[in-house]
Amino acid sequence: MEKKLGEMEEAKIELEEKLKQMEVEKDELEERLEMMEIERDEANQMLAKMETKQYELGQKLVKMEEEKVEMGEKLMTID
């Protein structure tokens, strides 16, 4: 009986150590997840800036095309 209690106590200690190790691993994974979320947020901000810049460049291109058409019309009226 005492031998059985000793084995159970040993098993309990091993399980507690495993639990502590798993808690450490959980904390590490949570830290990694947090870092990945920060990186994702930064990437999303960069993407938003790039999309804004792309839109602005598109607007400039449209304006330049309109000016080109106006210049062409002016040249046609000069002839």
PDB file of N, CA and C in Angstrom:
ATOM      1  N   MET A   1       0.829  -1.203   0.000  1.00  0.00           N
ATOM      2  CA  MET A   1       0.000   0.000   0.000  1.00  0.00           C
ATOM      3  C   MET A   1       0.870   1.263   0.000  1.00  0.00           C
ATOM      4  N   GLU A   2       1.906   1.239   0.851  1.00  0.00           N
ATOM      5  CA  GLU A   2       2.793   2.398   0.932  1.00  0.00           C
ATOM      6  C   GLU A   2       3.564   2.572  -0.375  1.00  0.00           C
ATOM      7  N   LYS A   3       3.906   1.453  -1.009  1.00  0.00           N
ATOM      8  CA  LYS A   3       4.597   1.500  -2.295  1.00  0.00           C
ATOM      9  C   LYS A   3       3.695   2.160  -3.344  1.00  0.00           C
ATOM     10  N   LYS A   4       2.436   1.803  -3.311  1.00  0.00           N
ATOM     11  CA  LYS A   4       1.455   2.364  -4.244  1.00  0.00           C
ATOM     12  C   LYS A   4       1.311   3.878  -4.031  1.00  0.00           C
ATOM     13  N   LEU A   5       1.273   4.296  -2.759  1.00  0.00           N
ATOM     14  CA  LEU A   5       1.181   5.723  -2.452  1.00  0.00           C
ATOM     15  C   LEU A   5       2.411   6.472  -2.968  1.00  0.00           C
ATOM     16  N   GLY A   6       3.575   5.843  -2.813  1.00  0.00           N
ATOM     17  CA  GLY A   6       4.819   6.447  -3.305  1.00  0.00           C
ATOM     18  C   GLY A   6       4.781   6.617  -4.812  1.00  0.00           C
ATOM     19  N   GLU A   7       4.291   5.596  -5.512  1.00  0.00           N
ATOM     20  CA  GLU A   7       4.185   5.667  -6.972  1.00  0.00           C
ATOM     21  C   GLU A   7       3.199   6.754  -7.393  1.00  0.00           C
ATOM     22  N   MET A   8       2.100   6.840  -6.671  1.00  0.00           N
ATOM     23  CA  MET A   8       1.094   7.854  -6.997  1.00  0.00           C
ATOM     24  C   MET A   8       1.643   9.260  -6.746  1.00  0.00           C
ATOM     25  N   GLU A   9       2.390   9.411  -5.666  1.00  0.00           N
ATOM     26  CA  GLU A   9       2.996  10.711  -5.349  1.00  0.00           C
ATOM     27  C   GLU A   9       4.005  11.094  -6.437  1.00  0.00           C
ATOM     28  N   GLU A  10       4.775  10.109  -6.892  1.00  0.00           N
ATOM     29  CA  GLU A  10       5.754  10.334  -7.955  1.00  0.00           C
ATOM     30  C   GLU A  10       5.040  10.740  -9.249  1.00  0.00           C
ATOM     31  N   ALA A  11       3.963  10.040  -9.566  1.00  0.00           N
ATOM     32  CA  ALA A  11       3.188  10.350 -10.767  1.00  0.00           C
ATOM     33  C   ALA A  11       2.596  11.754 -10.664  1.00  0.00           C
ATOM     34  N   LYS A  12       2.147  12.112  -9.474  1.00  0.00           N
ATOM     35  CA  LYS A  12       1.571  13.440  -9.255  1.00  0.00           C
ATOM     36  C   LYS A  12       2.628  14.516  -9.504  1.00  0.00           C
ATOM     37  N   ILE A  13       3.834  14.284  -8.989  1.00  0.00           N
ATOM     38  CA  ILE A  13       4.933  15.245  -9.174  1.00  0.00           C
ATOM     39  C   ILE A  13       5.258  15.387 -10.661  1.00  0.00           C
ATOM     40  N   GLU A  14       5.322  14.258 -11.367  1.00  0.00           N
ATOM     41  CA  GLU A  14       5.601  14.294 -12.805  1.00  0.00           C
ATOM     42  C   GLU A  14       4.522  15.075 -13.551  1.00  0.00           C
ATOM     43  N   LEU A  15       3.277  14.841 -13.190  1.00  0.00           N
ATOM     44  CA  LEU A  15       2.175  15.558 -13.842  1.00  0.00           C
ATOM     45  C   LEU A  15       2.235  17.053 -13.552  1.00  0.00           C
ATOM     46  N   GLU A  16       2.591  17.412 -12.323  1.00  0.00           N
ATOM     47  CA  GLU A  16       2.714  18.829 -11.978  1.00  0.00           C
ATOM     48  C   GLU A  16       3.837  19.485 -12.776  1.00  0.00           C
ATOM     49  N   GLU A  17       4.950  18.749 -12.964  1.00  0.00           N
ATOM     50  CA  GLU A  17       6.062  19.281 -13.757  1.00  0.00           C
ATOM     51  C   GLU A  17       5.642  19.455 -15.210  1.00  0.00           C
ATOM     52  N   LYS A  18       4.915  18.462 -15.734  1.00  0.00           N
ATOM     53  CA  LYS A  18       4.423  18.569 -17.110  1.00  0.00           C
ATOM     54  C   LYS A  18       3.478  19.753 -17.247  1.00  0.00           C
ATOM     55  N   LEU A  19       2.628  19.942 -16.255  1.00  0.00           N
ATOM     56  CA  LEU A  19       1.689  21.059 -16.278  1.00  0.00           C
ATOM     57  C   LEU A  19       2.438  22.387 -16.294  1.00  0.00           C
ATOM     58  N   LYS A  20       3.475  22.503 -15.452  1.00  0.00           N
ATOM     59  CA  LYS A  20       4.273  23.734 -15.426  1.00  0.00           C
ATOM     60  C   LYS A  20       4.918  23.973 -16.786  1.00  0.00           C
ATOM     61  N   GLN A  21       5.465  22.903 -17.373  1.00  0.00           N
ATOM     62  CA  GLN A  21       6.109  23.015 -18.682  1.00  0.00           C
ATOM     63  C   GLN A  21       5.086  23.443 -19.743  1.00  0.00           C
ATOM     64  N   MET A  22       3.909  22.863 -19.683  1.00  0.00           N
ATOM     65  CA  MET A  22       2.863  23.215 -20.645  1.00  0.00           C
ATOM     66  C   MET A  22       2.411  24.664 -20.461  1.00  0.00           C
ATOM     67  N   GLU A  23       2.377  25.137 -19.224  1.00  0.00           N
ATOM     68  CA  GLU A  23       2.011  26.532 -18.969  1.00  0.00           C
ATOM     69  C   GLU A  23       3.065  27.477 -19.540  1.00  0.00           C
ATOM     70  N   VAL A  24       4.339  27.091 -19.409  1.00  0.00           N
ATOM     71  CA  VAL A  24       5.421  27.900 -19.985  1.00  0.00           C
ATOM     72  C   VAL A  24       5.268  27.934 -21.506  1.00  0.00           C
ATOM     73  N   GLU A  25       5.022  26.765 -22.105  1.00  0.00           N
ATOM     74  CA  GLU A  25       4.839  26.695 -23.555  1.00  0.00           C
ATOM     75  C   GLU A  25       3.633  27.527 -23.987  1.00  0.00           C
ATOM     76  N   LYS A  26       2.566  27.479 -23.211  1.00  0.00           N
ATOM     77  CA  LYS A  26       1.363  28.271 -23.508  1.00  0.00           C
ATOM     78  C   LYS A  26       1.698  29.753 -23.488  1.00  0.00           C
ATOM     79  N   ASP A  27       2.443  30.184 -22.461  1.00  0.00           N
ATOM     80  CA  ASP A  27       2.839  31.591 -22.366  1.00  0.00           C
ATOM     81  C   ASP A  27       3.682  31.999 -23.571  1.00  0.00           C
ATOM     82  N   GLU A  28       4.614  31.123 -23.968  1.00  0.00           N
ATOM     83  CA  GLU A  28       5.458  31.416 -25.126  1.00  0.00           C
ATOM     84  C   GLU A  28       4.617  31.530 -26.390  1.00  0.00           C
ATOM     85  N   LEU A  29       3.661  30.622 -26.549  1.00  0.00           N
ATOM     86  CA  LEU A  29       2.793  30.666 -27.723  1.00  0.00           C
ATOM     87  C   LEU A  29       1.929  31.920 -27.730  1.00  0.00           C
ATOM     88  N   GLU A  30       1.452  32.314 -26.564  1.00  0.00           N
ATOM     89  CA  GLU A  30       0.655  33.542 -26.481  1.00  0.00           C
ATOM     90  C   GLU A  30       1.494  34.759 -26.850  1.00  0.00           C
ATOM     91  N   GLU A  31       2.760  34.773 -26.426  1.00  0.00           N
ATOM     92  CA  GLU A  31       3.660  35.873 -26.786  1.00  0.00           C
ATOM     93  C   GLU A  31       3.881  35.903 -28.294  1.00  0.00           C
ATOM     94  N   ARG A  32       4.121  34.720 -28.876  1.00  0.00           N
ATOM     95  CA  ARG A  32       4.323  34.643 -30.327  1.00  0.00           C
ATOM     96  C   ARG A  32       3.080  35.117 -31.068  1.00  0.00           C
ATOM     97  N   LEU A  33       1.921  34.702 -30.576  1.00  0.00           N
ATOM     98  CA  LEU A  33       0.663  35.118 -31.199  1.00  0.00           C
ATOM     99  C   LEU A  33       0.510  36.631 -31.141  1.00  0.00           C
ATOM    100  N   GLU A  34       0.833  37.200 -29.989  1.00  0.00           N
ATOM    101  CA  GLU A  34       0.740  38.650 -29.831  1.00  0.00           C
ATOM    102  C   GLU A  34       1.674  39.359 -30.812  1.00  0.00           C
ATOM    103  N   MET A  35       2.901  38.843 -30.942  1.00  0.00           N
ATOM    104  CA  MET A  35       3.856  39.437 -31.885  1.00  0.00           C
ATOM    105  C   MET A  35       3.333  39.323 -33.318  1.00  0.00           C
ATOM    106  N   MET A  36       2.772  38.172 -33.647  1.00  0.00           N
ATOM    107  CA  MET A  36       2.239  37.971 -34.993  1.00  0.00           C
ATOM    108  C   MET A  36       1.064  38.908 -35.257  1.00  0.00           C
ATOM    109  N   GLU A  37       0.243  39.139 -34.254  1.00  0.00           N
ATOM    110  CA  GLU A  37      -0.879  40.071 -34.412  1.00  0.00           C
ATOM    111  C   GLU A  37      -0.372  41.490 -34.631  1.00  0.00           C
ATOM    112  N   ILE A  38       0.688  41.864 -33.915  1.00  0.00           N
ATOM    113  CA  ILE A  38       1.289  43.191 -34.101  1.00  0.00           C
ATOM    114  C   ILE A  38       1.842  43.308 -35.519  1.00  0.00           C
ATOM    115  N   GLU A  39       2.552  42.268 -35.967  1.00  0.00           N
ATOM    116  CA  GLU A  39       3.106  42.275 -37.323  1.00  0.00           C
ATOM    117  C   GLU A  39       1.994  42.359 -38.362  1.00  0.00           C
ATOM    118  N   ARG A  40       0.888  41.632 -38.119  1.00  0.00           N
ATOM    119  CA  ARG A  40      -0.246  41.673 -39.041  1.00  0.00           C
ATOM    120  C   ARG A  40      -0.831  43.078 -39.098  1.00  0.00           C
ATOM    121  N   ASP A  41      -0.981  43.709 -37.928  1.00  0.00           N
ATOM    122  CA  ASP A  41      -1.529  45.063 -37.887  1.00  0.00           C
ATOM    123  C   ASP A  41      -0.626  46.038 -38.639  1.00  0.00           C
ATOM    124  N   GLU A  42       0.687  45.891 -38.455  1.00  0.00           N
ATOM    125  CA  GLU A  42       1.636  46.758 -39.156  1.00  0.00           C
ATOM    126  C   GLU A  42       1.556  46.531 -40.662  1.00  0.00           C
ATOM    127  N   ALA A  43       1.444  45.268 -41.064  1.00  0.00           N
ATOM    128  CA  ALA A  43       1.333  44.950 -42.489  1.00  0.00           C
ATOM    129  C   ALA A  43       0.036  45.524 -43.063  1.00  0.00           C
ATOM    130  N   ASN A  44      -1.040  45.447 -42.305  1.00  0.00           N
ATOM    131  CA  ASN A  44      -2.313  46.013 -42.768  1.00  0.00           C
ATOM    132  C   ASN A  44      -2.221  47.525 -42.916  1.00  0.00           C
ATOM    133  N   GLN A  45      -1.508  48.178 -41.992  1.00  0.00           N
ATOM    134  CA  GLN A  45      -1.325  49.629 -42.092  1.00  0.00           C
ATOM    135  C   GLN A  45      -0.516  49.983 -43.338  1.00  0.00           C
ATOM    136  N   MET A  46       0.548  49.203 -43.587  1.00  0.00           N
ATOM    137  CA  MET A  46       1.353  49.441 -44.783  1.00  0.00           C
ATOM    138  C   MET A  46       0.516  49.242 -46.039  1.00  0.00           C
ATOM    139  N   LEU A  47      -0.284  48.194 -46.049  1.00  0.00           N
ATOM    140  CA  LEU A  47      -1.141  47.917 -47.194  1.00  0.00           C
ATOM    141  C   LEU A  47      -2.128  49.060 -47.420  1.00  0.00           C
ATOM    142  N   ALA A  48      -2.706  49.565 -46.344  1.00  0.00           N
ATOM    143  CA  ALA A  48      -3.650  50.681 -46.464  1.00  0.00           C
ATOM    144  C   ALA A  48      -2.954  51.911 -47.048  1.00  0.00           C
ATOM    145  N   LYS A  49      -1.724  52.178 -46.597  1.00  0.00           N
ATOM    146  CA  LYS A  49      -0.973  53.318 -47.131  1.00  0.00           C
ATOM    147  C   LYS A  49      -0.689  53.123 -48.615  1.00  0.00           C
ATOM    148  N   MET A  50      -0.312  51.890 -48.978  1.00  0.00           N
ATOM    149  CA  MET A  50      -0.017  51.603 -50.380  1.00  0.00           C
ATOM    150  C   MET A  50      -1.273  51.735 -51.239  1.00  0.00           C
ATOM    151  N   GLU A  51      -2.404  51.275 -50.726  1.00  0.00           N
ATOM    152  CA  GLU A  51      -3.653  51.400 -51.475  1.00  0.00           C
ATOM    153  C   GLU A  51      -4.039  52.865 -51.639  1.00  0.00           C
ATOM    154  N   THR A  52      -3.804  53.664 -50.599  1.00  0.00           N
ATOM    155  CA  THR A  52      -4.086  55.099 -50.683  1.00  0.00           C
ATOM    156  C   THR A  52      -3.198  55.738 -51.742  1.00  0.00           C
ATOM    157  N   LYS A  53      -1.916  55.389 -51.717  1.00  0.00           N
ATOM    158  CA  LYS A  53      -0.970  55.935 -52.698  1.00  0.00           C
ATOM    159  C   LYS A  53      -1.369  55.512 -54.112  1.00  0.00           C
ATOM    160  N   GLN A  54      -1.774  54.255 -54.253  1.00  0.00           N
ATOM    161  CA  GLN A  54      -2.204  53.755 -55.560  1.00  0.00           C
ATOM    162  C   GLN A  54      -3.421  54.544 -56.051  1.00  0.00           C
ATOM    163  N   TYR A  55      -4.358  54.812 -55.159  1.00  0.00           N
ATOM    164  CA  TYR A  55      -5.549  55.591 -55.513  1.00  0.00           C
ATOM    165  C   TYR A  55      -5.149  57.002 -55.946  1.00  0.00           C
ATOM    166  N   GLU A  56      -4.246  57.625 -55.161  1.00  0.00           N
ATOM    167  CA  GLU A  56      -3.803  58.982 -55.485  1.00  0.00           C
ATOM    168  C   GLU A  56      -3.113  59.020 -56.847  1.00  0.00           C
ATOM    169  N   LEU A  57      -2.276  58.018 -57.112  1.00  0.00           N
ATOM    170  CA  LEU A  57      -1.597  57.966 -58.409  1.00  0.00           C
ATOM    171  C   LEU A  57      -2.603  57.752 -59.535  1.00  0.00           C
ATOM    172  N   GLY A  58      -3.608  56.950 -59.285  1.00  0.00           N
ATOM    173  CA  GLY A  58      -4.669  56.740 -60.275  1.00  0.00           C
ATOM    174  C   GLY A  58      -5.400  58.040 -60.575  1.00  0.00           C
ATOM    175  N   GLN A  59      -5.662  58.826 -59.528  1.00  0.00           N
ATOM    176  CA  GLN A  59      -6.329  60.119 -59.718  1.00  0.00           C
ATOM    177  C   GLN A  59      -5.449  61.063 -60.538  1.00  0.00           C
ATOM    178  N   LYS A  60      -4.137  61.056 -60.270  1.00  0.00           N
ATOM    179  CA  LYS A  60      -3.215  61.903 -61.037  1.00  0.00           C
ATOM    180  C   LYS A  60      -3.203  61.472 -62.501  1.00  0.00           C
ATOM    181  N   LEU A  61      -3.212  60.161 -62.719  1.00  0.00           N
ATOM    182  CA  LEU A  61      -3.203  59.637 -64.083  1.00  0.00           C
ATOM    183  C   LEU A  61      -4.465  60.064 -64.829  1.00  0.00           C
ATOM    184  N   VAL A  62      -5.609  59.981 -64.164  1.00  0.00           N
ATOM    185  CA  VAL A  62      -6.870  60.409 -64.782  1.00  0.00           C
ATOM    186  C   VAL A  62      -6.793  61.889 -65.144  1.00  0.00           C
ATOM    187  N   LYS A  63      -6.274  62.691 -64.230  1.00  0.00           N
ATOM    188  CA  LYS A  63      -6.159  64.134 -64.479  1.00  0.00           C
ATOM    189  C   LYS A  63      -5.228  64.402 -65.663  1.00  0.00           C
ATOM    190  N   MET A  64      -4.113  63.676 -65.722  1.00  0.00           N
ATOM    191  CA  MET A  64      -3.176  63.856 -66.828  1.00  0.00           C
ATOM    192  C   MET A  64      -3.819  63.453 -68.156  1.00  0.00           C
ATOM    193  N   GLU A  65      -4.592  62.375 -68.138  1.00  0.00           N
ATOM    194  CA  GLU A  65      -5.284  61.940 -69.356  1.00  0.00           C
ATOM    195  C   GLU A  65      -6.286  63.007 -69.803  1.00  0.00           C
ATOM    196  N   GLU A  66      -6.996  63.601 -68.838  1.00  0.00           N
ATOM    197  CA  GLU A  66      -7.951  64.667 -69.169  1.00  0.00           C
ATOM    198  C   GLU A  66      -7.225  65.868 -69.771  1.00  0.00           C
ATOM    199  N   GLU A  67      -6.072  66.226 -69.198  1.00  0.00           N
ATOM    200  CA  GLU A  67      -5.287  67.343 -69.727  1.00  0.00           C
ATOM    201  C   GLU A  67      -4.785  67.027 -71.130  1.00  0.00           C
ATOM    202  N   LYS A  68      -4.407  65.780 -71.356  1.00  0.00           N
ATOM    203  CA  LYS A  68      -3.930  65.349 -72.672  1.00  0.00           C
ATOM    204  C   LYS A  68      -5.053  65.507 -73.705  1.00  0.00           C
ATOM    205  N   VAL A  69      -6.253  65.098 -73.320  1.00  0.00           N
ATOM    206  CA  VAL A  69      -7.402  65.232 -74.223  1.00  0.00           C
ATOM    207  C   VAL A  69      -7.673  66.708 -74.510  1.00  0.00           C
ATOM    208  N   GLU A  70      -7.625  67.549 -73.472  1.00  0.00           N
ATOM    209  CA  GLU A  70      -7.852  68.987 -73.654  1.00  0.00           C
ATOM    210  C   GLU A  70      -6.811  69.586 -74.591  1.00  0.00           C
ATOM    211  N   MET A  71      -5.552  69.193 -74.412  1.00  0.00           N
ATOM    212  CA  MET A  71      -4.477  69.697 -75.277  1.00  0.00           C
ATOM    213  C   MET A  71      -4.722  69.260 -76.715  1.00  0.00           C
ATOM    214  N   GLY A  72      -5.132  68.016 -76.885  1.00  0.00           N
ATOM    215  CA  GLY A  72      -5.429  67.517 -78.233  1.00  0.00           C
ATOM    216  C   GLY A  72      -6.561  68.301 -78.871  1.00  0.00           C
ATOM    217  N   GLU A  73      -7.582  68.613 -78.088  1.00  0.00           N
ATOM    218  CA  GLU A  73      -8.705  69.397 -78.606  1.00  0.00           C
ATOM    219  C   GLU A  73      -8.253  70.805 -78.975  1.00  0.00           C
ATOM    220  N   LYS A  74      -7.384  71.395 -78.156  1.00  0.00           N
ATOM    221  CA  LYS A  74      -6.874  72.739 -78.454  1.00  0.00           C
ATOM    222  C   LYS A  74      -6.049  72.726 -79.734  1.00  0.00           C
ATOM    223  N   LEU A  75      -5.230  71.681 -79.903  1.00  0.00           N
ATOM    224  CA  LEU A  75      -4.416  71.581 -81.116  1.00  0.00           C
ATOM    225  C   LEU A  75      -5.307  71.446 -82.344  1.00  0.00           C
ATOM    226  N   MET A  76      -6.399  70.710 -82.207  1.00  0.00           N
ATOM    227  CA  MET A  76      -7.310  70.531 -83.341  1.00  0.00           C
ATOM    228  C   MET A  76      -7.987  71.849 -83.706  1.00  0.00           C
ATOM    229  N   THR A  77      -8.295  72.678 -82.717  1.00  0.00           N
ATOM    230  CA  THR A  77      -8.950  73.961 -83.012  1.00  0.00           C
ATOM    231  C   THR A  77      -7.967  74.969 -83.592  1.00  0.00           C
ATOM    232  N   ILE A  78      -6.675  74.801 -83.301  1.00  0.00           N
ATOM    233  CA  ILE A  78      -5.659  75.712 -83.840  1.00  0.00           C
ATOM    234  C   ILE A  78      -5.495  75.466 -85.336  1.00  0.00           C
ATOM    235  N   ASP A  79      -5.556  74.198 -85.721  1.00  0.00           N
ATOM    236  CA  ASP A  79      -5.393  73.856 -87.140  1.00  0.00           C
ATOM    237  C   ASP A  79      -6.577  74.399 -87.862  1.00  0.00           C
TER     238      ASP A  79
END
